[in-house]
């Protein structure tokens, strides 16, 4: 009887150790997955903050004379009267 109860205790301890290791491995996989998601979300936040900063800069400069002149020249092809415009044809 002692032999059977000793064997039974060893089997129970072994099962507990196997369950414990399985649980630790499963939790580590879950933690790694969460860490990857966190990194992805942090990258998204950083990108959105950079875009917000650029938009805020544009918002501040949108009514300035320099910005209006730049847009008129680049997008609309407008120039001052009697201004000479040179076009580089080698490009």
Protein backbone atom coordinates (compact mmCIF):
# COMPACT_ATOMS: atom_id res chain seq x y z
CA UNK A 1 0.00 0.00 0.00
CA UNK A 2 2.84 2.41 0.81
CA UNK A 3 4.34 1.67 -2.58
CA UNK A 4 1.13 2.63 -4.38
CA UNK A 5 0.56 5.80 -2.35
CA UNK A 6 4.20 6.88 -2.92
CA UNK A 7 3.82 6.26 -6.65
CA UNK A 8 0.53 8.14 -6.66
CA UNK A 9 2.16 11.12 -4.89
CA UNK A 10 5.02 11.14 -7.44
CA UNK A 11 2.53 11.05 -10.32
CA UNK A 12 0.52 13.92 -8.81
CA UNK A 13 3.68 16.00 -8.26
CA UNK A 14 4.81 15.27 -11.84
CA UNK A 15 1.39 16.27 -13.20
CA UNK A 16 1.49 19.47 -11.16
CA UNK A 17 4.96 20.32 -12.49
CA UNK A 18 3.86 19.65 -16.08
CA UNK A 19 0.74 21.79 -15.60
CA UNK A 20 2.83 24.55 -13.99
CA UNK A 21 5.31 24.58 -16.90
CA UNK A 22 2.52 24.54 -19.47
CA UNK A 23 0.84 27.50 -17.74
CA UNK A 24 4.08 29.50 -17.62
CA UNK A 25 4.79 28.88 -21.32
CA UNK A 26 1.22 29.82 -22.31
CA UNK A 27 1.38 33.02 -20.25
CA UNK A 28 4.74 33.96 -21.75
CA UNK A 29 3.33 33.57 -25.26
CA UNK A 30 0.40 35.78 -24.30
CA UNK A 31 2.70 38.40 -22.78
CA UNK A 32 4.86 38.42 -25.92
CA UNK A 33 1.76 38.91 -28.04
CA UNK A 34 0.65 41.82 -25.87
CA UNK A 35 4.11 43.38 -26.04
CA UNK A 36 4.03 43.25 -29.85
CA UNK A 37 0.58 44.85 -29.92
CA UNK A 38 1.75 47.55 -27.52
CA UNK A 39 4.74 48.33 -29.76
CA UNK A 40 2.47 48.53 -32.80
CA UNK A 41 0.07 50.89 -31.03
CA UNK A 42 2.95 53.05 -29.78
CA UNK A 43 4.23 53.34 -33.36
CA UNK A 44 0.75 54.33 -34.52
CA UNK A 45 0.53 56.95 -31.78
CA UNK A 46 3.94 58.35 -32.67
CA UNK A 47 3.01 58.58 -36.36
CA UNK A 48 -0.28 60.29 -35.52
CA UNK A 49 1.48 62.79 -33.25
CA UNK A 50 3.99 63.65 -35.98
CA UNK A 51 1.15 64.15 -38.45
CA UNK A 52 -0.69 66.31 -35.92
CA UNK A 53 2.42 68.46 -35.41
CA UNK A 54 2.78 68.93 -39.17
CA UNK A 55 -0.87 69.90 -39.48
CA UNK A 56 -0.56 72.35 -36.58
CA UNK A 57 2.45 73.97 -38.27
CA UNK A 58 0.51 74.21 -41.51
CA UNK A 59 -2.45 75.69 -39.65
CA UNK A 60 -0.23 78.37 -38.12
CA UNK A 61 1.39 79.28 -41.44
CA UNK A 62 -1.62 79.01 -43.74
CA UNK A 63 -2.52 82.70 -43.61
CA UNK A 64 1.02 84.04 -43.83
CA UNK A 65 2.07 85.98 -46.92
CA UNK A 66 5.01 83.62 -47.52
CA UNK A 67 2.78 80.56 -47.59
CA UNK A 68 0.25 82.17 -49.89
CA UNK A 69 3.04 83.25 -52.25
CA UNK A 70 4.59 79.78 -52.19
CA UNK A 71 1.29 78.10 -53.08
CA UNK A 72 0.59 80.66 -55.80
CA UNK A 73 4.00 79.99 -57.38
CA UNK A 74 4.17 76.21 -56.96
CA UNK A 75 0.58 75.09 -57.44
CA UNK A 76 -0.98 77.84 -59.52
CA UNK A 77 2.01 78.94 -61.61
CA UNK A 78 1.49 82.60 -60.70
CA UNK A 79 4.30 85.17 -60.67
CA UNK A 80 4.72 88.88 -60.02
CA UNK A 81 4.24 91.22 -63.02
CA UNK A 82 7.50 91.85 -64.90
CA UNK A 83 9.15 88.94 -63.09
CA UNK A 84 11.42 86.76 -65.23
CA UNK A 85 10.97 83.04 -64.82
CA UNK A 86 13.69 80.69 -65.97
CA UNK A 87 12.91 77.07 -66.68
CA UNK A 88 15.68 74.49 -66.61
CA UNK A 89 15.08 72.25 -69.64
CA UNK A 90 17.83 69.78 -68.76
CA UNK A 91 15.78 68.03 -66.09
